[in-house]
PDB file of N, CA and C in Angstrom:
ATOM      1  N   MET A   1       4.454  10.474  63.724  1.00  0.00           N
ATOM      2  CA  MET A   1       5.087  10.318  62.438  1.00  0.00           C
ATOM      3  C   MET A   1       4.054  10.545  61.333  1.00  0.00           C
ATOM      4  N   ARG A   2       4.483  11.105  60.227  1.00  0.00           N
ATOM      5  CA  ARG A   2       3.582  11.436  59.123  1.00  0.00           C
ATOM      6  C   ARG A   2       3.629  10.364  58.041  1.00  0.00           C
ATOM      7  N   SER A   3       2.457  10.098  57.470  1.00  0.00           N
ATOM      8  CA  SER A   3       2.362   9.056  56.456  1.00  0.00           C
ATOM      9  C   SER A   3       3.127   9.402  55.180  1.00  0.00           C
ATOM     10  N   ASP A   4       3.180  10.682  54.811  1.00  0.00           N
ATOM     11  CA  ASP A   4       3.897  11.044  53.585  1.00  0.00           C
ATOM     12  C   ASP A   4       5.387  10.756  53.699  1.00  0.00           C
ATOM     13  N   ILE A   5       5.955  10.974  54.868  1.00  0.00           N
ATOM     14  CA  ILE A   5       7.386  10.694  55.082  1.00  0.00           C
ATOM     15  C   ILE A   5       7.646   9.188  55.039  1.00  0.00           C
ATOM     16  N   VAL A   6       6.789   8.416  55.708  1.00  0.00           N
ATOM     17  CA  VAL A   6       6.947   6.957  55.703  1.00  0.00           C
ATOM     18  C   VAL A   6       6.752   6.404  54.296  1.00  0.00           C
ATOM     19  N   PHE A   7       5.779   6.918  53.570  1.00  0.00           N
ATOM     20  CA  PHE A   7       5.530   6.470  52.198  1.00  0.00           C
ATOM     21  C   PHE A   7       6.772   6.683  51.331  1.00  0.00           C
ATOM     22  N   GLN A   8       7.357   7.873  51.414  1.00  0.00           N
ATOM     23  CA  GLN A   8       8.559   8.165  50.630  1.00  0.00           C
ATOM     24  C   GLN A   8       9.742   7.292  51.069  1.00  0.00           C
ATOM     25  N   THR A   9       9.844   7.030  52.362  1.00  0.00           N
ATOM     26  CA  THR A   9      10.913   6.163  52.876  1.00  0.00           C
ATOM     27  C   THR A   9      10.766   4.747  52.319  1.00  0.00           C
ATOM     28  N   ILE A  10       9.535   4.253  52.274  1.00  0.00           N
ATOM     29  CA  ILE A  10       9.297   2.927  51.698  1.00  0.00           C
ATOM     30  C   ILE A  10       9.676   2.920  50.223  1.00  0.00           C
ATOM     31  N   LEU A  11       9.282   3.945  49.481  1.00  0.00           N
ATOM     32  CA  LEU A  11       9.641   4.023  48.064  1.00  0.00           C
ATOM     33  C   LEU A  11      11.163   3.980  47.873  1.00  0.00           C
ATOM     34  N   GLN A  12      11.891   4.660  48.742  1.00  0.00           N
ATOM     35  CA  GLN A  12      13.352   4.620  48.669  1.00  0.00           C
ATOM     36  C   GLN A  12      13.883   3.223  48.993  1.00  0.00           C
ATOM     37  N   SER A  13      13.244   2.540  49.930  1.00  0.00           N
ATOM     38  CA  SER A  13      13.677   1.203  50.322  1.00  0.00           C
ATOM     39  C   SER A  13      13.465   0.173  49.219  1.00  0.00           C
ATOM     40  N   ILE A  14      12.393   0.330  48.442  1.00  0.00           N
ATOM     41  CA  ILE A  14      12.124  -0.646  47.392  1.00  0.00           C
ATOM     42  C   ILE A  14      12.794  -0.291  46.058  1.00  0.00           C
ATOM     43  N   ALA A  15      13.303   0.923  45.936  1.00  0.00           N
ATOM     44  CA  ALA A  15      13.909   1.376  44.679  1.00  0.00           C
ATOM     45  C   ALA A  15      15.018   0.458  44.159  1.00  0.00           C
ATOM     46  N   PRO A  16      15.904  -0.064  45.025  1.00  0.00           N
ATOM     47  CA  PRO A  16      16.966  -0.923  44.493  1.00  0.00           C
ATOM     48  C   PRO A  16      16.540  -2.363  44.189  1.00  0.00           C
ATOM     49  N   LEU A  17      15.319  -2.736  44.545  1.00  0.00           N
ATOM     50  CA  LEU A  17      14.872  -4.117  44.335  1.00  0.00           C
ATOM     51  C   LEU A  17      14.524  -4.363  42.871  1.00  0.00           C
ATOM     52  N   ASN A  18      14.570  -5.632  42.493  1.00  0.00           N
ATOM     53  CA  ASN A  18      14.188  -6.011  41.134  1.00  0.00           C
ATOM     54  C   ASN A  18      12.680  -5.904  40.977  1.00  0.00           C
ATOM     55  N   VAL A  19      12.268  -5.255  39.903  1.00  0.00           N
ATOM     56  CA  VAL A  19      10.854  -5.091  39.604  1.00  0.00           C
ATOM     57  C   VAL A  19      10.601  -5.704  38.235  1.00  0.00           C
ATOM     58  N   TYR A  20       9.623  -6.581  38.178  1.00  0.00           N
ATOM     59  CA  TYR A  20       9.265  -7.245  36.921  1.00  0.00           C
ATOM     60  C   TYR A  20       8.539  -6.272  35.985  1.00  0.00           C
ATOM     61  N   GLU A  21       7.626  -5.481  36.563  1.00  0.00           N
ATOM     62  CA  GLU A  21       6.852  -4.526  35.767  1.00  0.00           C
ATOM     63  C   GLU A  21       6.471  -3.328  36.628  1.00  0.00           C
ATOM     64  N   LYS A  22       6.756  -2.135  36.134  1.00  0.00           N
ATOM     65  CA  LYS A  22       6.317  -0.907  36.797  1.00  0.00           C
ATOM     66  C   LYS A  22       5.016  -0.476  36.139  1.00  0.00           C
ATOM     67  N   ARG A  23       3.988  -0.275  36.977  1.00  0.00           N
ATOM     68  CA  ARG A  23       2.681   0.081  36.424  1.00  0.00           C
ATOM     69  C   ARG A  23       2.342   1.543  36.654  1.00  0.00           C
ATOM     70  N   ARG A  24       2.240   1.954  37.923  1.00  0.00           N
ATOM     71  CA  ARG A  24       1.896   3.351  38.239  1.00  0.00           C
ATOM     72  C   ARG A  24       2.652   3.786  39.470  1.00  0.00           C
ATOM     73  N   ARG A  25       2.970   5.089  39.483  1.00  0.00           N
ATOM     74  CA  ARG A  25       3.597   5.646  40.677  1.00  0.00           C
ATOM     75  C   ARG A  25       3.284   7.127  40.758  1.00  0.00           C
ATOM     76  N   SER A  26       2.878   7.545  41.964  1.00  0.00           N
ATOM     77  CA  SER A  26       2.634   8.955  42.242  1.00  0.00           C
ATOM     78  C   SER A  26       3.060   9.214  43.679  1.00  0.00           C
ATOM     79  N   ASP A  27       2.783  10.407  44.166  1.00  0.00           N
ATOM     80  CA  ASP A  27       3.140  10.735  45.546  1.00  0.00           C
ATOM     81  C   ASP A  27       2.343   9.924  46.564  1.00  0.00           C
ATOM     82  N   ASP A  28       1.197   9.367  46.138  1.00  0.00           N
ATOM     83  CA  ASP A  28       0.319   8.641  47.054  1.00  0.00           C
ATOM     84  C   ASP A  28      -0.007   7.214  46.618  1.00  0.00           C
ATOM     85  N   TYR A  29       0.583   6.751  45.517  1.00  0.00           N
ATOM     86  CA  TYR A  29       0.230   5.430  45.001  1.00  0.00           C
ATOM     87  C   TYR A  29       1.412   4.805  44.272  1.00  0.00           C
ATOM     88  N   CYS A  30       1.561   3.498  44.452  1.00  0.00           N
ATOM     89  CA  CYS A  30       2.591   2.756  43.729  1.00  0.00           C
ATOM     90  C   CYS A  30       2.018   1.386  43.386  1.00  0.00           C
ATOM     91  N   GLU A  31       2.112   1.026  42.119  1.00  0.00           N
ATOM     92  CA  GLU A  31       1.684  -0.305  41.694  1.00  0.00           C
ATOM     93  C   GLU A  31       2.765  -0.879  40.797  1.00  0.00           C
ATOM     94  N   LEU A  32       3.208  -2.085  41.146  1.00  0.00           N
ATOM     95  CA  LEU A  32       4.249  -2.753  40.394  1.00  0.00           C
ATOM     96  C   LEU A  32       4.102  -4.258  40.561  1.00  0.00           C
ATOM     97  N   VAL A  33       4.892  -4.995  39.810  1.00  0.00           N
ATOM     98  CA  VAL A  33       4.901  -6.457  39.897  1.00  0.00           C
ATOM     99  C   VAL A  33       6.319  -6.890  40.222  1.00  0.00           C
ATOM    100  N   PHE A  34       6.445  -7.804  41.196  1.00  0.00           N
ATOM    101  CA  PHE A  34       7.748  -8.360  41.543  1.00  0.00           C
ATOM    102  C   PHE A  34       7.696  -9.882  41.468  1.00  0.00           C
ATOM    103  N   LEU A  35       8.869 -10.498  41.434  1.00  0.00           N
ATOM    104  CA  LEU A  35       8.962 -11.951  41.359  1.00  0.00           C
ATOM    105  C   LEU A  35       8.908 -12.556  42.757  1.00  0.00           C
ATOM    106  N   ASN A  36       8.201 -13.654  42.890  1.00  0.00           N
ATOM    107  CA  ASN A  36       8.001 -14.280  44.191  1.00  0.00           C
ATOM    108  C   ASN A  36       9.274 -14.854  44.812  1.00  0.00           C
ATOM    109  N   VAL A  37      10.320 -15.049  44.025  1.00  0.00           N
ATOM    110  CA  VAL A  37      11.572 -15.535  44.612  1.00  0.00           C
ATOM    111  C   VAL A  37      12.135 -14.504  45.594  1.00  0.00           C
ATOM    112  N   GLU A  38      11.675 -13.264  45.508  1.00  0.00           N
ATOM    113  CA  GLU A  38      12.122 -12.195  46.409  1.00  0.00           C
ATOM    114  C   GLU A  38      11.020 -11.759  47.383  1.00  0.00           C
ATOM    115  N   LEU A  39       9.996 -12.574  47.547  1.00  0.00           N
ATOM    116  CA  LEU A  39       8.863 -12.232  48.402  1.00  0.00           C
ATOM    117  C   LEU A  39       9.279 -11.922  49.835  1.00  0.00           C
ATOM    118  N   SER A  40      10.216 -12.669  50.381  1.00  0.00           N
ATOM    119  CA  SER A  40      10.621 -12.426  51.773  1.00  0.00           C
ATOM    120  C   SER A  40      11.273 -11.053  51.926  1.00  0.00           C
ATOM    121  N   THR A  41      12.017 -10.605  50.934  1.00  0.00           N
ATOM    122  CA  THR A  41      12.631  -9.272  50.981  1.00  0.00           C
ATOM    123  C   THR A  41      11.555  -8.193  50.988  1.00  0.00           C
ATOM    124  N   TRP A  42      10.561  -8.324  50.127  1.00  0.00           N
ATOM    125  CA  TRP A  42       9.464  -7.361  50.070  1.00  0.00           C
ATOM    126  C   TRP A  42       8.690  -7.366  51.384  1.00  0.00           C
ATOM    127  N   ASN A  43       8.401  -8.559  51.904  1.00  0.00           N
ATOM    128  CA  ASN A  43       7.700  -8.666  53.184  1.00  0.00           C
ATOM    129  C   ASN A  43       8.474  -7.976  54.301  1.00  0.00           C
ATOM    130  N   ASN A  44       9.776  -8.169  54.339  1.00  0.00           N
ATOM    131  CA  ASN A  44      10.614  -7.563  55.388  1.00  0.00           C
ATOM    132  C   ASN A  44      10.570  -6.043  55.340  1.00  0.00           C
ATOM    133  N   ILE A  45      10.602  -5.475  54.162  1.00  0.00           N
ATOM    134  CA  ILE A  45      10.552  -4.014  54.029  1.00  0.00           C
ATOM    135  C   ILE A  45       9.248  -3.466  54.607  1.00  0.00           C
ATOM    136  N   PHE A  46       8.140  -4.097  54.255  1.00  0.00           N
ATOM    137  CA  PHE A  46       6.855  -3.589  54.727  1.00  0.00           C
ATOM    138  C   PHE A  46       6.617  -3.890  56.196  1.00  0.00           C
ATOM    139  N   THR A  47       7.118  -5.010  56.681  1.00  0.00           N
ATOM    140  CA  THR A  47       7.010  -5.312  58.110  1.00  0.00           C
ATOM    141  C   THR A  47       7.812  -4.309  58.925  1.00  0.00           C
ATOM    142  N   THR A  48       8.990  -3.949  58.456  1.00  0.00           N
ATOM    143  CA  THR A  48       9.822  -2.964  59.143  1.00  0.00           C
ATOM    144  C   THR A  48       9.142  -1.599  59.182  1.00  0.00           C
ATOM    145  N   ALA A  49       8.545  -1.191  58.077  1.00  0.00           N
ATOM    146  CA  ALA A  49       7.938   0.141  57.991  1.00  0.00           C
ATOM    147  C   ALA A  49       6.546   0.226  58.618  1.00  0.00           C
ATOM    148  N   LEU A  50       5.774  -0.870  58.522  1.00  0.00           N
ATOM    149  CA  LEU A  50       4.363  -0.790  58.901  1.00  0.00           C
ATOM    150  C   LEU A  50       3.949  -1.774  59.995  1.00  0.00           C
ATOM    151  N   GLY A  51       4.843  -2.655  60.391  1.00  0.00           N
ATOM    152  CA  GLY A  51       4.498  -3.680  61.373  1.00  0.00           C
ATOM    153  C   GLY A  51       4.012  -4.948  60.679  1.00  0.00           C
ATOM    154  N   GLN A  52       3.645  -5.930  61.459  1.00  0.00           N
ATOM    155  CA  GLN A  52       3.180  -7.202  60.913  1.00  0.00           C
ATOM    156  C   GLN A  52       1.943  -7.000  60.029  1.00  0.00           C
ATOM    157  N   ALA A  53       1.796  -7.856  59.048  1.00  0.00           N
ATOM    158  CA  ALA A  53       0.633  -7.792  58.165  1.00  0.00           C
ATOM    159  C   ALA A  53      -0.649  -7.936  58.978  1.00  0.00           C
ATOM    160  N   VAL A  54      -1.614  -7.098  58.657  1.00  0.00           N
ATOM    161  CA  VAL A  54      -2.937  -7.193  59.274  1.00  0.00           C
ATOM    162  C   VAL A  54      -3.600  -8.496  58.831  1.00  0.00           C
ATOM    163  N   LYS A  55      -3.339  -8.887  57.590  1.00  0.00           N
ATOM    164  CA  LYS A  55      -3.875 -10.124  57.029  1.00  0.00           C
ATOM    165  C   LYS A  55      -2.781 -10.786  56.213  1.00  0.00           C
ATOM    166  N   PRO A  56      -2.082 -11.783  56.801  1.00  0.00           N
ATOM    167  CA  PRO A  56      -1.056 -12.505  56.042  1.00  0.00           C
ATOM    168  C   PRO A  56      -1.683 -13.355  54.934  1.00  0.00           C
ATOM    169  N   ALA A  57      -0.877 -13.719  53.964  1.00  0.00           N
ATOM    170  CA  ALA A  57      -1.333 -14.615  52.902  1.00  0.00           C
ATOM    171  C   ALA A  57      -1.760 -15.950  53.497  1.00  0.00           C
ATOM    172  N   HIS A  58      -2.726 -16.564  52.847  1.00  0.00           N
ATOM    173  CA  HIS A  58      -3.205 -17.908  53.205  1.00  0.00           C
ATOM    174  C   HIS A  58      -3.853 -17.971  54.577  1.00  0.00           C
ATOM    175  N   GLN A  59      -4.471 -16.857  54.960  1.00  0.00           N
ATOM    176  CA  GLN A  59      -5.307 -16.822  56.159  1.00  0.00           C
ATOM    177  C   GLN A  59      -6.632 -16.195  55.776  1.00  0.00           C
ATOM    178  N   LYS A  60      -7.682 -16.691  56.376  1.00  0.00           N
ATOM    179  CA  LYS A  60      -9.000 -16.120  56.122  1.00  0.00           C
ATOM    180  C   LYS A  60      -9.028 -14.689  56.670  1.00  0.00           C
ATOM    181  N   PRO A  61      -9.509 -13.723  55.874  1.00  0.00           N
ATOM    182  CA  PRO A  61      -9.568 -12.346  56.372  1.00  0.00           C
ATOM    183  C   PRO A  61     -10.587 -12.213  57.498  1.00  0.00           C
ATOM    184  N   ASP A  62     -10.180 -11.522  58.557  1.00  0.00           N
ATOM    185  CA  ASP A  62     -11.105 -11.263  59.660  1.00  0.00           C
ATOM    186  C   ASP A  62     -11.891  -9.985  59.360  1.00  0.00           C
ATOM    187  N   GLU A  63     -12.779  -9.619  60.272  1.00  0.00           N
ATOM    188  CA  GLU A  63     -13.629  -8.443  60.063  1.00  0.00           C
ATOM    189  C   GLU A  63     -12.816  -7.160  59.890  1.00  0.00           C
ATOM    190  N   GLN A  64     -11.735  -7.018  60.656  1.00  0.00           N
ATOM    191  CA  GLN A  64     -10.889  -5.828  60.543  1.00  0.00           C
ATOM    192  C   GLN A  64     -10.286  -5.728  59.144  1.00  0.00           C
ATOM    193  N   ALA A  65      -9.719  -6.810  58.643  1.00  0.00           N
ATOM    194  CA  ALA A  65      -9.108  -6.807  57.311  1.00  0.00           C
ATOM    195  C   ALA A  65     -10.153  -6.529  56.236  1.00  0.00           C
ATOM    196  N   LEU A  66     -11.328  -7.122  56.368  1.00  0.00           N
ATOM    197  CA  LEU A  66     -12.399  -6.883  55.400  1.00  0.00           C
ATOM    198  C   LEU A  66     -12.832  -5.420  55.397  1.00  0.00           C
ATOM    199  N   ARG A  67     -12.917  -4.826  56.572  1.00  0.00           N
ATOM    200  CA  ARG A  67     -13.306  -3.412  56.691  1.00  0.00           C
ATOM    201  C   ARG A  67     -12.247  -2.500  56.077  1.00  0.00           C
ATOM    202  N   ILE A  68     -10.985  -2.764  56.389  1.00  0.00           N
ATOM    203  CA  ILE A  68      -9.891  -1.942  55.867  1.00  0.00           C
ATOM    204  C   ILE A  68      -9.844  -1.989  54.343  1.00  0.00           C
ATOM    205  N   ALA A  69     -10.015  -3.177  53.772  1.00  0.00           N
ATOM    206  CA  ALA A  69      -9.851  -3.364  52.329  1.00  0.00           C
ATOM    207  C   ALA A  69     -11.127  -3.145  51.519  1.00  0.00           C
ATOM    208  N   LYS A  70     -12.219  -2.883  52.191  1.00  0.00           N
ATOM    209  CA  LYS A  70     -13.517  -2.769  51.520  1.00  0.00           C
ATOM    210  C   LYS A  70     -13.505  -1.772  50.361  1.00  0.00           C
ATOM    211  N   ASP A  71     -12.947  -0.594  50.574  1.00  0.00           N
ATOM    212  CA  ASP A  71     -12.987   0.464  49.567  1.00  0.00           C
ATOM    213  C   ASP A  71     -11.918   0.336  48.489  1.00  0.00           C
ATOM    214  N   VAL A  72     -11.042  -0.675  48.594  1.00  0.00           N
ATOM    215  CA  VAL A  72      -9.978  -0.855  47.596  1.00  0.00           C
ATOM    216  C   VAL A  72     -10.059  -2.226  46.924  1.00  0.00           C
ATOM    217  N   GLY A  73     -11.260  -2.785  46.885  1.00  0.00           N
ATOM    218  CA  GLY A  73     -11.451  -4.030  46.157  1.00  0.00           C
ATOM    219  C   GLY A  73     -11.538  -5.279  47.012  1.00  0.00           C
ATOM    220  N   GLY A  74     -11.452  -5.122  48.320  1.00  0.00           N
ATOM    221  CA  GLY A  74     -11.549  -6.280  49.209  1.00  0.00           C
ATOM    222  C   GLY A  74     -10.231  -7.019  49.361  1.00  0.00           C
ATOM    223  N   ILE A  75     -10.281  -8.092  50.127  1.00  0.00           N
ATOM    224  CA  ILE A  75      -9.083  -8.890  50.406  1.00  0.00           C
ATOM    225  C   ILE A  75      -9.486 -10.358  50.391  1.00  0.00           C
ATOM    226  N   SER A  76      -8.669 -11.194  49.785  1.00  0.00           N
ATOM    227  CA  SER A  76      -8.985 -12.612  49.696  1.00  0.00           C
ATOM    228  C   SER A  76      -7.954 -13.458  50.441  1.00  0.00           C
ATOM    229  N   PHE A  77      -8.214 -14.731  50.508  1.00  0.00           N
ATOM    230  CA  PHE A  77      -7.427 -15.696  51.265  1.00  0.00           C
ATOM    231  C   PHE A  77      -5.933 -15.654  50.922  1.00  0.00           C
ATOM    232  N   ASN A  78      -5.604 -15.578  49.642  1.00  0.00           N
ATOM    233  CA  ASN A  78      -4.197 -15.669  49.241  1.00  0.00           C
ATOM    234  C   ASN A  78      -3.462 -14.324  49.256  1.00  0.00           C
ATOM    235  N   GLN A  79      -4.165 -13.229  49.514  1.00  0.00           N
ATOM    236  CA  GLN A  79      -3.546 -11.908  49.499  1.00  0.00           C
ATOM    237  C   GLN A  79      -3.004 -11.517  50.872  1.00  0.00           C
ATOM    238  N   THR A  80      -2.062 -10.568  50.856  1.00  0.00           N
ATOM    239  CA  THR A  80      -1.476 -10.014  52.076  1.00  0.00           C
ATOM    240  C   THR A  80      -1.901  -8.554  52.182  1.00  0.00           C
ATOM    241  N   LEU A  81      -2.176  -8.134  53.415  1.00  0.00           N
ATOM    242  CA  LEU A  81      -2.589  -6.752  53.659  1.00  0.00           C
ATOM    243  C   LEU A  81      -1.770  -6.173  54.806  1.00  0.00           C
ATOM    244  N   PHE A  82      -1.068  -5.086  54.523  1.00  0.00           N
ATOM    245  CA  PHE A  82      -0.400  -4.283  55.547  1.00  0.00           C
ATOM    246  C   PHE A  82      -1.195  -3.001  55.689  1.00  0.00           C
ATOM    247  N   TYR A  83      -1.260  -2.475  56.909  1.00  0.00           N
ATOM    248  CA  TYR A  83      -2.016  -1.259  57.156  1.00  0.00           C
ATOM    249  C   TYR A  83      -1.439  -0.595  58.399  1.00  0.00           C
ATOM    250  N   ARG A  84      -1.256   0.727  58.298  1.00  0.00           N
ATOM    251  CA  ARG A  84      -0.808   1.470  59.476  1.00  0.00           C
ATOM    252  C   ARG A  84      -1.445   2.844  59.460  1.00  0.00           C
ATOM    253  N   ASP A  85      -1.909   3.220  60.619  1.00  0.00           N
ATOM    254  CA  ASP A  85      -2.574   4.496  60.841  1.00  0.00           C
ATOM    255  C   ASP A  85      -1.530   5.510  61.318  1.00  0.00           C
ATOM    256  N   PHE A  86      -1.529   6.694  60.709  1.00  0.00           N
ATOM    257  CA  PHE A  86      -0.628   7.783  61.088  1.00  0.00           C
ATOM    258  C   PHE A  86      -1.459   9.002  61.463  1.00  0.00           C
ATOM    259  N   GLU A  87      -0.811  10.020  61.997  1.00  0.00           N
ATOM    260  CA  GLU A  87      -1.531  11.222  62.421  1.00  0.00           C
ATOM    261  C   GLU A  87      -2.226  11.932  61.258  1.00  0.00           C
ATOM    262  N   ASP A  88      -1.681  11.834  60.052  1.00  0.00           N
ATOM    263  CA  ASP A  88      -2.227  12.561  58.907  1.00  0.00           C
ATOM    264  C   ASP A  88      -2.871  11.666  57.850  1.00  0.00           C
ATOM    265  N   GLY A  89      -2.957  10.379  58.079  1.00  0.00           N
ATOM    266  CA  GLY A  89      -3.531   9.471  57.086  1.00  0.00           C
ATOM    267  C   GLY A  89      -3.156   8.034  57.382  1.00  0.00           C
ATOM    268  N   VAL A  90      -3.362   7.186  56.393  1.00  0.00           N
ATOM    269  CA  VAL A  90      -3.033   5.773  56.546  1.00  0.00           C
ATOM    270  C   VAL A  90      -2.232   5.311  55.332  1.00  0.00           C
ATOM    271  N   ILE A  91      -1.455   4.251  55.549  1.00  0.00           N
ATOM    272  CA  ILE A  91      -0.784   3.575  54.436  1.00  0.00           C
ATOM    273  C   ILE A  91      -1.341   2.168  54.383  1.00  0.00           C
ATOM    274  N   LEU A  92      -1.734   1.773  53.192  1.00  0.00           N
ATOM    275  CA  LEU A  92      -2.293   0.456  52.940  1.00  0.00           C
ATOM    276  C   LEU A  92      -1.485  -0.199  51.832  1.00  0.00           C
ATOM    277  N   VAL A  93      -1.072  -1.441  52.054  1.00  0.00           N
ATOM    278  CA  VAL A  93      -0.279  -2.185  51.078  1.00  0.00           C
ATOM    279  C   VAL A  93      -0.917  -3.552  50.888  1.00  0.00           C
ATOM    280  N   MET A  94      -1.080  -3.942  49.634  1.00  0.00           N
ATOM    281  CA  MET A  94      -1.630  -5.263  49.331  1.00  0.00           C
ATOM    282  C   MET A  94      -0.708  -6.001  48.370  1.00  0.00           C
ATOM    283  N   PHE A  95      -0.511  -7.280  48.647  1.00  0.00           N
ATOM    284  CA  PHE A  95       0.186  -8.184  47.735  1.00  0.00           C
ATOM    285  C   PHE A  95      -0.892  -9.052  47.081  1.00  0.00           C
ATOM    286  N   TRP A  96      -0.961  -9.022  45.776  1.00  0.00           N
ATOM    287  CA  TRP A  96      -1.921  -9.815  45.011  1.00  0.00           C
ATOM    288  C   TRP A  96      -1.137 -10.853  44.207  1.00  0.00           C
ATOM    289  N   PRO A  97      -0.991 -12.064  44.708  1.00  0.00           N
ATOM    290  CA  PRO A  97      -0.219 -13.072  43.974  1.00  0.00           C
ATOM    291  C   PRO A  97      -0.925 -13.501  42.681  1.00  0.00           C
ATOM    292  N   TRP A  98      -0.128 -13.767  41.674  1.00  0.00           N
ATOM    293  CA  TRP A  98      -0.655 -14.222  40.395  1.00  0.00           C
ATOM    294  C   TRP A  98      -0.909 -15.723  40.463  1.00  0.00           C
ATOM    295  N   GLN A  99      -1.759 -16.193  39.602  1.00  0.00           N
ATOM    296  CA  GLN A  99      -2.048 -17.627  39.555  1.00  0.00           C
ATOM    297  C   GLN A  99      -0.864 -18.444  39.072  1.00  0.00           C
ATOM    298  N   ASP A 100       0.085 -17.812  38.377  1.00  0.00           N
ATOM    299  CA  ASP A 100       1.250 -18.563  37.888  1.00  0.00           C
ATOM    300  C   ASP A 100       2.221 -18.931  39.006  1.00  0.00           C
ATOM    301  N   GLY A 101       2.032 -18.357  40.201  1.00  0.00           N
ATOM    302  CA  GLY A 101       2.893 -18.672  41.333  1.00  0.00           C
ATOM    303  C   GLY A 101       4.269 -18.032  41.264  1.00  0.00           C
ATOM    304  N   ALA A 102       4.533 -17.260  40.219  1.00  0.00           N
ATOM    305  CA  ALA A 102       5.862 -16.680  40.021  1.00  0.00           C
ATOM    306  C   ALA A 102       5.909 -15.177  40.287  1.00  0.00           C
ATOM    307  N   ARG A 103       4.756 -14.507  40.234  1.00  0.00           N
ATOM    308  CA  ARG A 103       4.728 -13.054  40.342  1.00  0.00           C
ATOM    309  C   ARG A 103       3.653 -12.591  41.323  1.00  0.00           C
ATOM    310  N   THR A 104       3.856 -11.377  41.822  1.00  0.00           N
ATOM    311  CA  THR A 104       2.903 -10.742  42.730  1.00  0.00           C
ATOM    312  C   THR A 104       2.771  -9.276  42.353  1.00  0.00           C
ATOM    313  N   THR A 105       1.544  -8.792  42.319  1.00  0.00           N
ATOM    314  CA  THR A 105       1.291  -7.371  42.134  1.00  0.00           C
ATOM    315  C   THR A 105       1.280  -6.704  43.501  1.00  0.00           C
ATOM    316  N   LEU A 106       2.012  -5.626  43.618  1.00  0.00           N
ATOM    317  CA  LEU A 106       2.053  -4.808  44.828  1.00  0.00           C
ATOM    318  C   LEU A 106       1.244  -3.541  44.573  1.00  0.00           C
ATOM    319  N   LYS A 107       0.321  -3.259  45.481  1.00  0.00           N
ATOM    320  CA  LYS A 107      -0.420  -1.997  45.450  1.00  0.00           C
ATOM    321  C   LYS A 107      -0.198  -1.316  46.791  1.00  0.00           C
ATOM    322  N   MET A 108       0.395  -0.131  46.756  1.00  0.00           N
ATOM    323  CA  MET A 108       0.665   0.627  47.978  1.00  0.00           C
ATOM    324  C   MET A 108       0.039   2.002  47.810  1.00  0.00           C
ATOM    325  N   MET A 109      -0.725   2.415  48.838  1.00  0.00           N
ATOM    326  CA  MET A 109      -1.378   3.718  48.745  1.00  0.00           C
ATOM    327  C   MET A 109      -1.384   4.437  50.082  1.00  0.00           C
ATOM    328  N   ARG A 110      -1.360   5.740  49.985  1.00  0.00           N
ATOM    329  CA  ARG A 110      -1.498   6.605  51.173  1.00  0.00           C
ATOM    330  C   ARG A 110      -2.830   7.292  51.038  1.00  0.00           C
ATOM    331  N   LEU A 111      -3.681   7.116  52.057  1.00  0.00           N
ATOM    332  CA  LEU A 111      -5.043   7.606  52.018  1.00  0.00           C
ATOM    333  C   LEU A 111      -5.312   8.548  53.187  1.00  0.00           C
ATOM    334  N   PRO A 112      -6.229   9.500  52.999  1.00  0.00           N
ATOM    335  CA  PRO A 112      -6.612  10.349  54.135  1.00  0.00           C
ATOM    336  C   PRO A 112      -7.411   9.520  55.149  1.00  0.00           C
ATOM    337  N   LYS A 113      -7.375   9.956  56.389  1.00  0.00           N
ATOM    338  CA  LYS A 113      -8.188   9.296  57.405  1.00  0.00           C
ATOM    339  C   LYS A 113      -9.650   9.543  57.126  1.00  0.00           C
ATOM    340  N   LYS A 114     -10.470   8.532  57.421  1.00  0.00           N
ATOM    341  CA  LYS A 114     -11.911   8.712  57.289  1.00  0.00           C
ATOM    342  C   LYS A 114     -12.418   9.449  58.515  1.00  0.00           C
ATOM    343  N   CYS A 115     -13.380  10.313  58.295  1.00  0.00           N
ATOM    344  CA  CYS A 115     -13.972  11.068  59.407  1.00  0.00           C
ATOM    345  C   CYS A 115     -14.911  10.201  60.207  1.00  0.00           C
TER     346      CYS A 115
END
């Protein structure tokens, strides 16, 4: 399966959801803010498309999660990280919860495989 097809499928899946703030979107990147009352819906979409989170929220990141997130700002205890490797690249998704407890920033990107 190709990462570009899965990326577009995910974008279609999240299109009908409520978005608090749209920040950026391109063929390889999506950044937006959603309300935490719908967190389980967002989690379900990404779990269906990419499998279980590599690093769920409120767990200490292991070496794998730290390595995966190193080039995109790292990963902390309260953040969620989804990651899936495809034949033509990878998809990486991070949930960055806000301190207000009401909102979460979603960052989703499709990246080339590292050599």
